[in-house]
Amino acid sequence: MTREISHHLSQYMEEKNITSYCVNSFPDGRSLLDSTCDFDLIFLDIQMRQPDGMETARALREQKNHSLLVFVTILKEYVYDAFEVEAFDYLLKPLDSIHFNRTMDRAVRTLAQRTAKNLIVQKGISCQVIPLSQIIYCEVQGRKIYIHQNNGKVVDYYNKLEDLEQHVDGRFFKCHRSYLVNLDYVRGCHGGQIALSQGGEIPVSRLRERDLTQALLRHMKERGF
C-alpha cells in the first residue's frame, strides 16, 4: 500500500506543481507512534500489523496528535468507527486517482488554513509542524535557531532569524539581534531583560526597549485587554 500511496502522491504533487513536501513511511503502527515527527497528513491502512490502523489512530488522538488522518482499506464496515477518531477521509482500495485527488484537494485547503498559524521546521528529509501559539521565543546560536516551546521542548534547525521572521505573525517581536519573542508570553521588561510568563528571562537590546513597550500595547489592544 505504501508504494501505491506514494505513487498517487507524487502524481498529485506534480500535477499541482507542489515541490515543497516530504514523505515518510513506516512498516507498522508502532513505528509511527514511536516517531518524534509531526505530520500534516497520515494515511493509515486499517489492516496493518498490530496495532492496526484504527488502534493506531486512537493512540495518536490520545497523544493529542492533530494530523489529518485518512484511512485506506477494503473494509467498508469500519467507516463509522473512523468518525470516533476524527478521520479526515476514508478511501477504499484499490485507490483511484479521482477520489484520491479530491481528498488531497480538501487536505491541501485545510492545511493551508492551518499553516497560517503554524511554523514548519524542516530538518533534512523530515519536517515538524509547530503551532505559533506554542512558541515562547526563538534564539540564534551560531548557524542554528533554537525554538523554545511552552511544553518545555526545544527544537533546533539551521536557518537565519531574518528568514524565520518571514514565517511568523505580528505577535512576534525581534527584541535582540539574536532573539525573537512571542508577545503572548512577555510579562515585563526591566534592566535589559524580558520577563517571561513561563519563567526565565531573555535579553532586549537598549535600542529596542521602547519599541517593545509600544508593540506590547498594540498587541494587548488587538487582543482586547
C-alpha atoms as a PDB file:
ATOM      1  CA  MET A   1       0.000   0.000   0.000  1.00  0.00           C
ATOM      2  CA  THR A   2       2.876   2.356   0.800  1.00  0.00           C
ATOM      3  CA  ARG A   3       4.139   2.216  -2.765  1.00  0.00           C
ATOM      4  CA  GLU A   4       0.653   2.812  -4.176  1.00  0.00           C
ATOM      5  CA  ILE A   5       0.011   5.857  -1.987  1.00  0.00           C
ATOM      6  CA  SER A   6       3.460   7.265  -2.751  1.00  0.00           C
ATOM      7  CA  HIS A   7       2.727   6.898  -6.460  1.00  0.00           C
ATOM      8  CA  HIS A   8      -0.596   8.746  -6.193  1.00  0.00           C
ATOM      9  CA  LEU A   9       1.001  11.431  -4.005  1.00  0.00           C
ATOM     10  CA  SER A  10       3.863  12.094  -6.403  1.00  0.00           C
ATOM     11  CA  GLN A  11       1.429  12.290  -9.326  1.00  0.00           C
ATOM     12  CA  TYR A  12      -0.811  14.721  -7.437  1.00  0.00           C
ATOM     13  CA  MET A  13       2.088  16.949  -6.347  1.00  0.00           C
ATOM     14  CA  GLU A  14       3.472  17.042  -9.869  1.00  0.00           C
ATOM     15  CA  GLU A  15       0.077  17.975 -11.351  1.00  0.00           C
ATOM     16  CA  LYS A  16      -0.412  20.735  -8.765  1.00  0.00           C
ATOM     17  CA  ASN A  17       3.194  21.916  -9.102  1.00  0.00           C
ATOM     18  CA  ILE A  18       3.798  21.433  -5.363  1.00  0.00           C
ATOM     19  CA  THR A  19       7.523  20.957  -4.827  1.00  0.00           C
ATOM     20  CA  SER A  20       7.982  21.581  -1.100  1.00  0.00           C
ATOM     21  CA  TYR A  21       6.886  18.428   0.712  1.00  0.00           C
ATOM     22  CA  CYS A  22       8.382  15.344   2.337  1.00  0.00           C
ATOM     23  CA  VAL A  23       7.067  11.795   2.703  1.00  0.00           C
ATOM     24  CA  ASN A  24       7.941   9.250   5.394  1.00  0.00           C
ATOM     25  CA  SER A  25       6.755   5.648   5.561  1.00  0.00           C
ATOM     26  CA  PHE A  26       6.537   3.250   8.492  1.00  0.00           C
ATOM     27  CA  PRO A  27       6.263  -0.561   8.460  1.00  0.00           C
ATOM     28  CA  ASP A  28       3.624  -0.627  11.203  1.00  0.00           C
ATOM     29  CA  GLY A  29       1.613   1.473  13.643  1.00  0.00           C
ATOM     30  CA  ARG A  30       4.077   1.070  16.499  1.00  0.00           C
ATOM     31  CA  SER A  31       6.885   2.596  14.446  1.00  0.00           C
ATOM     32  CA  LEU A  32       4.679   5.576  13.641  1.00  0.00           C
ATOM     33  CA  LEU A  33       3.658   6.058  17.288  1.00  0.00           C
ATOM     34  CA  ASP A  34       7.302   5.891  18.401  1.00  0.00           C
ATOM     35  CA  SER A  35       8.300   8.527  15.855  1.00  0.00           C
ATOM     36  CA  THR A  36       9.038  12.034  17.112  1.00  0.00           C
ATOM     37  CA  CYS A  37       7.937  13.608  13.820  1.00  0.00           C
ATOM     38  CA  ASP A  38       4.783  15.659  13.404  1.00  0.00           C
ATOM     39  CA  PHE A  39       2.932  15.112  10.146  1.00  0.00           C
ATOM     40  CA  ASP A  40       0.314  17.195   8.366  1.00  0.00           C
ATOM     41  CA  LEU A  41      -1.363  14.162   6.805  1.00  0.00           C
ATOM     42  CA  ILE A  42      -1.225  10.478   7.741  1.00  0.00           C
ATOM     43  CA  PHE A  43      -2.532   7.597   5.620  1.00  0.00           C
ATOM     44  CA  LEU A  44      -3.425   4.513   7.672  1.00  0.00           C
ATOM     45  CA  ASP A  45      -4.273   1.036   6.474  1.00  0.00           C
ATOM     46  CA  ILE A  46      -6.810  -0.464   8.878  1.00  0.00           C
ATOM     47  CA  GLN A  47      -5.395  -3.950   8.293  1.00  0.00           C
ATOM     48  CA  MET A  48      -1.855  -3.151   9.422  1.00  0.00           C
ATOM     49  CA  ARG A  49       0.021  -5.406  11.819  1.00  0.00           C
ATOM     50  CA  GLN A  50      -0.946  -4.804  15.442  1.00  0.00           C
ATOM     51  CA  PRO A  51      -1.663  -2.181  16.433  1.00  0.00           C
ATOM     52  CA  ASP A  52      -3.895  -1.935  13.377  1.00  0.00           C
ATOM     53  CA  GLY A  53      -4.824   1.335  11.693  1.00  0.00           C
ATOM     54  CA  MET A  54      -7.813   2.081  13.895  1.00  0.00           C
ATOM     55  CA  GLU A  55      -5.913   1.350  17.120  1.00  0.00           C
ATOM     56  CA  THR A  56      -3.023   3.473  15.871  1.00  0.00           C
ATOM     57  CA  ALA A  57      -5.429   6.324  15.140  1.00  0.00           C
ATOM     58  CA  ARG A  58      -6.899   6.129  18.643  1.00  0.00           C
ATOM     59  CA  ALA A  59      -3.399   6.180  20.153  1.00  0.00           C
ATOM     60  CA  LEU A  60      -2.460   9.206  18.043  1.00  0.00           C
ATOM     61  CA  ARG A  61      -5.504  11.112  19.264  1.00  0.00           C
ATOM     62  CA  GLU A  62      -4.696  10.156  22.861  1.00  0.00           C
ATOM     63  CA  GLN A  63      -1.272  11.717  22.268  1.00  0.00           C
ATOM     64  CA  LYS A  64      -3.078  14.938  21.248  1.00  0.00           C
ATOM     65  CA  ASN A  65      -1.928  14.452  17.664  1.00  0.00           C
ATOM     66  CA  HIS A  66      -3.933  16.673  15.286  1.00  0.00           C
ATOM     67  CA  SER A  67      -2.696  15.306  11.956  1.00  0.00           C
ATOM     68  CA  LEU A  68      -5.270  14.770   9.230  1.00  0.00           C
ATOM     69  CA  LEU A  69      -5.975  11.028   9.236  1.00  0.00           C
ATOM     70  CA  VAL A  70      -7.034   9.240   6.049  1.00  0.00           C
ATOM     71  CA  PHE A  71      -7.907   5.558   6.219  1.00  0.00           C
ATOM     72  CA  VAL A  72      -7.153   3.382   3.207  1.00  0.00           C
ATOM     73  CA  THR A  73      -8.835  -0.007   3.326  1.00  0.00           C
ATOM     74  CA  ILE A  74     -11.005  -2.606   1.609  1.00  0.00           C
ATOM     75  CA  LEU A  75     -13.264  -2.783   4.672  1.00  0.00           C
ATOM     76  CA  LYS A  76     -16.357  -0.611   4.275  1.00  0.00           C
ATOM     77  CA  GLU A  77     -17.753  -1.645   7.655  1.00  0.00           C
ATOM     78  CA  TYR A  78     -15.192   0.458   9.550  1.00  0.00           C
ATOM     79  CA  VAL A  79     -16.335   3.738   8.079  1.00  0.00           C
ATOM     80  CA  TYR A  80     -18.405   4.652  11.155  1.00  0.00           C
ATOM     81  CA  ASP A  81     -15.522   3.857  13.522  1.00  0.00           C
ATOM     82  CA  ALA A  82     -13.488   6.426  11.616  1.00  0.00           C
ATOM     83  CA  PHE A  83     -15.708   9.198  12.969  1.00  0.00           C
ATOM     84  CA  GLU A  84     -14.638   8.335  16.519  1.00  0.00           C
ATOM     85  CA  VAL A  85     -11.040   9.306  15.759  1.00  0.00           C
ATOM     86  CA  GLU A  86     -11.990  12.373  13.716  1.00  0.00           C
ATOM     87  CA  ALA A  87     -10.788  10.856  10.457  1.00  0.00           C
ATOM     88  CA  PHE A  88     -10.430  13.325   7.613  1.00  0.00           C
ATOM     89  CA  ASP A  89     -11.441  10.803   4.953  1.00  0.00           C
ATOM     90  CA  TYR A  90     -11.923   7.126   4.200  1.00  0.00           C
ATOM     91  CA  LEU A  91     -10.620   5.748   0.893  1.00  0.00           C
ATOM     92  CA  LEU A  92     -11.426   2.287  -0.397  1.00  0.00           C
ATOM     93  CA  LYS A  93      -8.861   0.110  -2.156  1.00  0.00           C
ATOM     94  CA  PRO A  94      -7.960  -0.174  -4.901  1.00  0.00           C
ATOM     95  CA  LEU A  95      -7.269   3.543  -4.978  1.00  0.00           C
ATOM     96  CA  ASP A  96      -8.380   5.576  -7.943  1.00  0.00           C
ATOM     97  CA  SER A  97      -6.955   8.954  -8.904  1.00  0.00           C
ATOM     98  CA  ILE A  98     -10.291  10.789  -8.913  1.00  0.00           C
ATOM     99  CA  HIS A  99     -11.188  10.056  -5.293  1.00  0.00           C
ATOM    100  CA  PHE A 100      -7.588  10.352  -4.124  1.00  0.00           C
ATOM    101  CA  ASN A 101      -7.203  13.775  -5.748  1.00  0.00           C
ATOM    102  CA  ARG A 102     -10.480  15.012  -4.278  1.00  0.00           C
ATOM    103  CA  THR A 103      -9.249  14.039  -0.825  1.00  0.00           C
ATOM    104  CA  MET A 104      -5.902  15.724  -1.435  1.00  0.00           C
ATOM    105  CA  ASP A 105      -7.596  18.912  -2.694  1.00  0.00           C
ATOM    106  CA  ARG A 106      -9.555  19.163   0.534  1.00  0.00           C
ATOM    107  CA  ALA A 107      -6.488  18.290   2.621  1.00  0.00           C
ATOM    108  CA  VAL A 108      -4.351  20.942   0.935  1.00  0.00           C
ATOM    109  CA  ARG A 109      -7.028  23.590   1.558  1.00  0.00           C
ATOM    110  CA  THR A 110      -7.354  22.576   5.199  1.00  0.00           C
ATOM    111  CA  LEU A 111      -3.607  22.521   5.734  1.00  0.00           C
ATOM    112  CA  ALA A 112      -3.198  25.906   4.059  1.00  0.00           C
ATOM    113  CA  GLN A 113      -5.561  27.367   6.662  1.00  0.00           C
ATOM    114  CA  ARG A 114      -3.616  25.657   9.436  1.00  0.00           C
ATOM    115  CA  THR A 115      -0.222  26.696   8.090  1.00  0.00           C
ATOM    116  CA  ALA A 116      -1.077  30.343   8.587  1.00  0.00           C
ATOM    117  CA  LYS A 117      -0.936  29.622  12.312  1.00  0.00           C
ATOM    118  CA  ASN A 118       1.942  27.133  12.260  1.00  0.00           C
ATOM    119  CA  LEU A 119       5.668  27.093  11.639  1.00  0.00           C
ATOM    120  CA  ILE A 120       7.045  24.278   9.520  1.00  0.00           C
ATOM    121  CA  VAL A 121      10.581  23.282  10.515  1.00  0.00           C
ATOM    122  CA  GLN A 122      12.420  21.119   8.010  1.00  0.00           C
ATOM    123  CA  LYS A 123      15.478  19.107   9.029  1.00  0.00           C
ATOM    124  CA  GLY A 124      16.881  17.018   6.217  1.00  0.00           C
ATOM    125  CA  ILE A 125      14.094  14.811   4.855  1.00  0.00           C
ATOM    126  CA  SER A 126      11.901  15.174   7.940  1.00  0.00           C
ATOM    127  CA  CYS A 127       9.719  18.081   8.960  1.00  0.00           C
ATOM    128  CA  GLN A 128       7.875  19.216  12.060  1.00  0.00           C
ATOM    129  CA  VAL A 129       4.836  21.459  12.441  1.00  0.00           C
ATOM    130  CA  ILE A 130       4.912  23.787  15.465  1.00  0.00           C
ATOM    131  CA  PRO A 131       1.885  25.956  16.339  1.00  0.00           C
ATOM    132  CA  LEU A 132       2.928  29.602  16.628  1.00  0.00           C
ATOM    133  CA  SER A 133       0.915  29.849  19.838  1.00  0.00           C
ATOM    134  CA  GLN A 134       3.197  27.204  21.361  1.00  0.00           C
ATOM    135  CA  ILE A 135       6.436  29.124  20.719  1.00  0.00           C
ATOM    136  CA  ILE A 136       7.716  31.273  23.603  1.00  0.00           C
ATOM    137  CA  TYR A 137      10.834  32.591  21.898  1.00  0.00           C
ATOM    138  CA  CYS A 138      13.467  31.749  19.302  1.00  0.00           C
ATOM    139  CA  GLU A 139      17.178  32.348  19.674  1.00  0.00           C
ATOM    140  CA  VAL A 140      20.143  32.128  17.340  1.00  0.00           C
ATOM    141  CA  GLN A 141      23.336  30.365  18.345  1.00  0.00           C
ATOM    142  CA  GLY A 142      25.902  30.066  15.597  1.00  0.00           C
ATOM    143  CA  ARG A 143      24.136  28.903  12.451  1.00  0.00           C
ATOM    144  CA  LYS A 144      21.221  27.316  14.322  1.00  0.00           C
ATOM    145  CA  ILE A 145      17.884  28.598  15.547  1.00  0.00           C
ATOM    146  CA  TYR A 146      16.544  27.178  18.799  1.00  0.00           C
ATOM    147  CA  ILE A 147      12.761  27.268  19.213  1.00  0.00           C
ATOM    148  CA  HIS A 148      11.658  27.215  22.851  1.00  0.00           C
ATOM    149  CA  GLN A 149       8.111  25.920  23.323  1.00  0.00           C
ATOM    150  CA  ASN A 150       5.623  26.145  26.171  1.00  0.00           C
ATOM    151  CA  ASN A 151       5.733  22.362  26.637  1.00  0.00           C
ATOM    152  CA  GLY A 152       9.396  22.564  27.609  1.00  0.00           C
ATOM    153  CA  LYS A 153      10.677  21.176  24.312  1.00  0.00           C
ATOM    154  CA  VAL A 154      13.364  22.897  22.267  1.00  0.00           C
ATOM    155  CA  VAL A 155      13.662  22.328  18.521  1.00  0.00           C
ATOM    156  CA  ASP A 156      16.817  23.360  16.682  1.00  0.00           C
ATOM    157  CA  TYR A 157      17.487  23.649  12.965  1.00  0.00           C
ATOM    158  CA  TYR A 158      19.721  25.523  10.549  1.00  0.00           C
ATOM    159  CA  ASN A 159      18.280  28.860   9.457  1.00  0.00           C
ATOM    160  CA  LYS A 160      18.643  32.621   9.775  1.00  0.00           C
ATOM    161  CA  LEU A 161      16.488  34.721  12.089  1.00  0.00           C
ATOM    162  CA  GLU A 162      15.653  37.028   9.168  1.00  0.00           C
ATOM    163  CA  ASP A 163      14.161  34.083   7.280  1.00  0.00           C
ATOM    164  CA  LEU A 164      12.223  32.905  10.319  1.00  0.00           C
ATOM    165  CA  GLU A 165      10.677  36.377  10.708  1.00  0.00           C
ATOM    166  CA  GLN A 166       9.017  35.937   7.317  1.00  0.00           C
ATOM    167  CA  HIS A 167       7.082  32.896   8.579  1.00  0.00           C
ATOM    168  CA  VAL A 168       5.653  34.188  11.866  1.00  0.00           C
ATOM    169  CA  ASP A 169       2.896  36.716  12.549  1.00  0.00           C
ATOM    170  CA  GLY A 170       2.536  40.020  14.368  1.00  0.00           C
ATOM    171  CA  ARG A 171       2.658  38.517  17.846  1.00  0.00           C
ATOM    172  CA  PHE A 172       6.427  38.021  17.424  1.00  0.00           C
ATOM    173  CA  PHE A 173       8.884  40.833  18.166  1.00  0.00           C
ATOM    174  CA  LYS A 174      12.614  40.943  17.456  1.00  0.00           C
ATOM    175  CA  CYS A 175      13.873  42.169  20.825  1.00  0.00           C
ATOM    176  CA  HIS A 176      17.536  41.492  20.105  1.00  0.00           C
ATOM    177  CA  ARG A 177      19.651  40.627  17.092  1.00  0.00           C
ATOM    178  CA  SER A 178      19.606  37.005  18.267  1.00  0.00           C
ATOM    179  CA  TYR A 179      16.117  36.756  19.794  1.00  0.00           C
ATOM    180  CA  LEU A 180      12.528  36.720  18.567  1.00  0.00           C
ATOM    181  CA  VAL A 181       9.897  36.655  21.325  1.00  0.00           C
ATOM    182  CA  ASN A 182       6.184  35.835  21.331  1.00  0.00           C
ATOM    183  CA  LEU A 183       4.471  38.832  22.970  1.00  0.00           C
ATOM    184  CA  ASP A 184       1.836  36.498  24.443  1.00  0.00           C
ATOM    185  CA  TYR A 185       4.492  35.291  26.885  1.00  0.00           C
ATOM    186  CA  VAL A 186       6.030  38.660  27.840  1.00  0.00           C
ATOM    187  CA  ARG A 187       5.233  39.707  31.406  1.00  0.00           C
ATOM    188  CA  GLY A 188       7.563  42.653  31.828  1.00  0.00           C
ATOM    189  CA  CYS A 189      10.845  44.312  30.931  1.00  0.00           C
ATOM    190  CA  HIS A 190      13.492  45.701  33.292  1.00  0.00           C
ATOM    191  CA  GLY A 191      17.217  46.253  33.160  1.00  0.00           C
ATOM    192  CA  GLY A 192      17.626  44.976  29.633  1.00  0.00           C
ATOM    193  CA  GLN A 193      15.801  41.708  30.362  1.00  0.00           C
ATOM    194  CA  ILE A 194      12.350  40.484  29.324  1.00  0.00           C
ATOM    195  CA  ALA A 195      10.499  38.503  31.974  1.00  0.00           C
ATOM    196  CA  LEU A 196       8.631  35.515  30.532  1.00  0.00           C
ATOM    197  CA  SER A 197       5.375  34.079  31.870  1.00  0.00           C
ATOM    198  CA  GLN A 198       6.857  30.568  31.793  1.00  0.00           C
ATOM    199  CA  GLY A 199       9.748  31.731  33.954  1.00  0.00           C
ATOM    200  CA  GLY A 200      13.198  32.902  32.976  1.00  0.00           C
ATOM    201  CA  GLU A 201      14.400  35.956  31.083  1.00  0.00           C
ATOM    202  CA  ILE A 202      15.800  36.835  27.671  1.00  0.00           C
ATOM    203  CA  PRO A 203      17.706  39.978  26.660  1.00  0.00           C
ATOM    204  CA  VAL A 204      16.270  43.020  24.941  1.00  0.00           C
ATOM    205  CA  SER A 205      18.640  45.483  23.325  1.00  0.00           C
ATOM    206  CA  ARG A 206      18.599  49.030  24.714  1.00  0.00           C
ATOM    207  CA  LEU A 207      17.561  50.440  21.341  1.00  0.00           C
ATOM    208  CA  ARG A 208      14.545  48.074  21.205  1.00  0.00           C
ATOM    209  CA  GLU A 209      13.073  48.602  24.688  1.00  0.00           C
ATOM    210  CA  ARG A 210      10.809  51.487  23.697  1.00  0.00           C
ATOM    211  CA  ASP A 211       9.660  49.645  20.564  1.00  0.00           C
ATOM    212  CA  LEU A 212       8.929  46.599  22.717  1.00  0.00           C
ATOM    213  CA  THR A 213       6.670  48.656  25.012  1.00  0.00           C
ATOM    214  CA  GLN A 214       4.756  50.051  22.040  1.00  0.00           C
ATOM    215  CA  ALA A 215       4.461  46.607  20.450  1.00  0.00           C
ATOM    216  CA  LEU A 216       3.094  45.195  23.715  1.00  0.00           C
ATOM    217  CA  LEU A 217       0.489  47.953  23.993  1.00  0.00           C
ATOM    218  CA  ARG A 218      -0.656  47.378  20.395  1.00  0.00           C
ATOM    219  CA  HIS A 219      -0.752  43.649  20.963  1.00  0.00           C
ATOM    220  CA  MET A 220      -2.826  43.962  24.121  1.00  0.00           C
ATOM    221  CA  LYS A 221      -5.234  46.319  22.371  1.00  0.00           C
ATOM    222  CA  GLU A 222      -5.675  43.855  19.500  1.00  0.00           C
ATOM    223  CA  ARG A 223      -6.439  41.086  21.993  1.00  0.00           C
ATOM    224  CA  GLY A 224      -8.973  43.252  23.787  1.00  0.00           C
ATOM    225  CA  PHE A 225      -7.072  43.774  27.051  1.00  0.00           C
END
